[in-house]
Amino acid sequence: MNIYVGNLPYSVGGDQLRTLFEAYGTVDSASVVMDKFTGQARGFGFVEMSNDAEAKAATEALNGMQYNGRELVANEARPREERPRREFSPRGGGYGQRERF
């Protein structure tokens, strides 16, 4: 089961997230999403647990729990939505050409 974890303190990394969930079972992976421009944590992450019973116990226990002054959100992650690919004009701008009168 893939678990979404939101409202994380910005100081929390993947190792701390893994440790938090390991109290409820075996964690296959844990990662915090980072901003690609600043390198700072974005305040949410994902945890994968192969045992559904352990994952359910973890989400029930951690959802709404206070962690470093923040109330965590933990629930089953929804599948990622496919978004249409954005096309960029080689001229840039995106406004098209304007006519002059």
C-alpha atoms as a PDB file:
ATOM      1  CA  MET A   1       0.000   0.000   0.000  1.00  0.00           C
ATOM      2  CA  ASN A   2       1.252   3.454  -0.896  1.00  0.00           C
ATOM      3  CA  ILE A   3       0.563   6.020   1.845  1.00  0.00           C
ATOM      4  CA  TYR A   4       0.435   9.793   1.418  1.00  0.00           C
ATOM      5  CA  VAL A   5       1.772  11.724   4.428  1.00  0.00           C
ATOM      6  CA  GLY A   6       1.050  15.436   4.493  1.00  0.00           C
ATOM      7  CA  ASN A   7       1.602  18.458   6.729  1.00  0.00           C
ATOM      8  CA  LEU A   8       5.115  17.304   7.584  1.00  0.00           C
ATOM      9  CA  PRO A   9       7.500  19.759   9.197  1.00  0.00           C
ATOM     10  CA  TYR A  10       9.943  21.011   6.567  1.00  0.00           C
ATOM     11  CA  SER A  11      12.844  19.663   8.632  1.00  0.00           C
ATOM     12  CA  VAL A  12      11.700  16.028   8.308  1.00  0.00           C
ATOM     13  CA  GLY A  13      13.613  13.811   5.881  1.00  0.00           C
ATOM     14  CA  GLY A  14      13.009  10.359   4.453  1.00  0.00           C
ATOM     15  CA  ASP A  15      14.865   8.580   7.272  1.00  0.00           C
ATOM     16  CA  GLN A  16      12.719  10.219   9.945  1.00  0.00           C
ATOM     17  CA  LEU A  17       9.565   9.400   7.999  1.00  0.00           C
ATOM     18  CA  ARG A  18      10.667   5.758   7.724  1.00  0.00           C
ATOM     19  CA  THR A  19      11.353   5.588  11.475  1.00  0.00           C
ATOM     20  CA  LEU A  20       7.916   7.027  12.240  1.00  0.00           C
ATOM     21  CA  PHE A  21       6.162   4.288  10.216  1.00  0.00           C
ATOM     22  CA  GLU A  22       8.448   1.399  11.227  1.00  0.00           C
ATOM     23  CA  ALA A  23       6.783   1.399  14.639  1.00  0.00           C
ATOM     24  CA  TYR A  24       3.755  -0.143  12.863  1.00  0.00           C
ATOM     25  CA  GLY A  25       5.439  -2.625  10.521  1.00  0.00           C
ATOM     26  CA  THR A  26       7.874  -3.150   7.686  1.00  0.00           C
ATOM     27  CA  VAL A  27       8.475  -0.119   5.491  1.00  0.00           C
ATOM     28  CA  ASP A  28       9.529  -0.830   1.906  1.00  0.00           C
ATOM     29  CA  SER A  29      10.340   2.806   1.115  1.00  0.00           C
ATOM     30  CA  ALA A  30       9.850   6.291   2.518  1.00  0.00           C
ATOM     31  CA  SER A  31      10.551   9.573   0.780  1.00  0.00           C
ATOM     32  CA  VAL A  32       9.859  13.240   1.317  1.00  0.00           C
ATOM     33  CA  VAL A  33       9.117  15.291  -1.798  1.00  0.00           C
ATOM     34  CA  MET A  34      11.667  18.043  -2.369  1.00  0.00           C
ATOM     35  CA  ASP A  35      11.278  21.277  -4.344  1.00  0.00           C
ATOM     36  CA  LYS A  36      13.368  20.907  -7.490  1.00  0.00           C
ATOM     37  CA  PHE A  37      14.457  24.549  -7.496  1.00  0.00           C
ATOM     38  CA  THR A  38      15.240  25.237  -3.823  1.00  0.00           C
ATOM     39  CA  GLY A  39      16.020  21.712  -2.616  1.00  0.00           C
ATOM     40  CA  GLN A  40      13.785  22.313   0.432  1.00  0.00           C
ATOM     41  CA  ALA A  41      11.215  19.744   1.570  1.00  0.00           C
ATOM     42  CA  ARG A  42       7.694  20.507   0.340  1.00  0.00           C
ATOM     43  CA  GLY A  43       5.940  19.233   3.492  1.00  0.00           C
ATOM     44  CA  PHE A  44       4.653  15.909   2.204  1.00  0.00           C
ATOM     45  CA  GLY A  45       5.916  12.484   1.286  1.00  0.00           C
ATOM     46  CA  PHE A  46       5.062   8.882   0.556  1.00  0.00           C
ATOM     47  CA  VAL A  47       5.575   5.624   2.424  1.00  0.00           C
ATOM     48  CA  GLU A  48       5.211   2.162   0.901  1.00  0.00           C
ATOM     49  CA  MET A  49       4.318  -0.809   3.077  1.00  0.00           C
ATOM     50  CA  SER A  50       3.701  -4.255   1.555  1.00  0.00           C
ATOM     51  CA  ASN A  51       1.528  -5.537   4.411  1.00  0.00           C
ATOM     52  CA  ASP A  52      -1.900  -3.907   4.072  1.00  0.00           C
ATOM     53  CA  ALA A  53      -2.888  -4.598   7.686  1.00  0.00           C
ATOM     54  CA  GLU A  54       0.258  -2.874   8.973  1.00  0.00           C
ATOM     55  CA  ALA A  55      -0.264   0.033   6.572  1.00  0.00           C
ATOM     56  CA  LYS A  56      -3.873   0.459   7.700  1.00  0.00           C
ATOM     57  CA  ALA A  57      -2.803   0.395  11.371  1.00  0.00           C
ATOM     58  CA  ALA A  58      -0.116   3.019  10.654  1.00  0.00           C
ATOM     59  CA  THR A  59      -2.480   5.377   8.818  1.00  0.00           C
ATOM     60  CA  GLU A  60      -5.138   5.082  11.530  1.00  0.00           C
ATOM     61  CA  ALA A  61      -2.593   5.767  14.280  1.00  0.00           C
ATOM     62  CA  LEU A  62      -0.693   8.587  12.557  1.00  0.00           C
ATOM     63  CA  ASN A  63      -3.512  10.485  10.841  1.00  0.00           C
ATOM     64  CA  GLY A  64      -4.180  13.530  13.033  1.00  0.00           C
ATOM     65  CA  MET A  65      -1.197  12.842  15.319  1.00  0.00           C
ATOM     66  CA  GLN A  66       0.850  15.837  16.492  1.00  0.00           C
ATOM     67  CA  TYR A  67       4.429  15.558  15.215  1.00  0.00           C
ATOM     68  CA  ASN A  68       6.928  18.363  15.858  1.00  0.00           C
ATOM     69  CA  GLY A  69       4.073  20.810  16.343  1.00  0.00           C
ATOM     70  CA  ARG A  70       2.111  19.822  13.213  1.00  0.00           C
ATOM     71  CA  GLU A  71      -0.961  17.620  12.783  1.00  0.00           C
ATOM     72  CA  LEU A  72      -0.068  14.880  10.309  1.00  0.00           C
ATOM     73  CA  VAL A  73      -2.311  13.751   7.480  1.00  0.00           C
ATOM     74  CA  ALA A  74      -1.869  10.071   6.592  1.00  0.00           C
ATOM     75  CA  ASN A  75      -4.069   8.174   4.155  1.00  0.00           C
ATOM     76  CA  GLU A  76      -3.896   5.812   1.227  1.00  0.00           C
ATOM     77  CA  ALA A  77      -2.362   7.593  -1.737  1.00  0.00           C
ATOM     78  CA  ARG A  78      -4.569   8.083  -4.773  1.00  0.00           C
ATOM     79  CA  PRO A  79      -3.213   7.064  -8.170  1.00  0.00           C
ATOM     80  CA  ARG A  80      -1.416   9.855  -9.959  1.00  0.00           C
ATOM     81  CA  GLU A  81      -3.586  11.577 -12.544  1.00  0.00           C
ATOM     82  CA  GLU A  82      -2.298  11.766 -16.077  1.00  0.00           C
ATOM     83  CA  ARG A  83      -1.910  15.372 -17.116  1.00  0.00           C
ATOM     84  CA  PRO A  84      -1.696  16.527 -20.708  1.00  0.00           C
ATOM     85  CA  ARG A  85       1.814  17.365 -21.778  1.00  0.00           C
ATOM     86  CA  ARG A  86       2.418  21.088 -22.044  1.00  0.00           C
ATOM     87  CA  GLU A  87       3.733  22.321 -25.345  1.00  0.00           C
ATOM     88  CA  PHE A  88       5.994  25.337 -25.445  1.00  0.00           C
ATOM     89  CA  SER A  89       6.426  27.718 -28.328  1.00  0.00           C
ATOM     90  CA  PRO A  90      10.019  28.138 -29.500  1.00  0.00           C
ATOM     91  CA  ARG A  91       9.385  31.891 -29.467  1.00  0.00           C
ATOM     92  CA  GLY A  92       8.283  31.822 -25.848  1.00  0.00           C
ATOM     93  CA  GLY A  93       5.800  34.186 -24.287  1.00  0.00           C
ATOM     94  CA  GLY A  94       2.707  32.105 -24.800  1.00  0.00           C
ATOM     95  CA  TYR A  95       0.515  35.052 -25.787  1.00  0.00           C
ATOM     96  CA  GLY A  96       0.725  34.606 -29.536  1.00  0.00           C
ATOM     97  CA  GLN A  97       1.325  37.453 -31.925  1.00  0.00           C
ATOM     98  CA  ARG A  98      -0.569  40.658 -31.467  1.00  0.00           C
ATOM     99  CA  GLU A  99      -1.749  42.726 -34.343  1.00  0.00           C
ATOM    100  CA  ARG A 100      -0.850  46.397 -34.498  1.00  0.00           C
ATOM    101  CA  PHE A 101      -3.417  48.912 -35.631  1.00  0.00           C
END
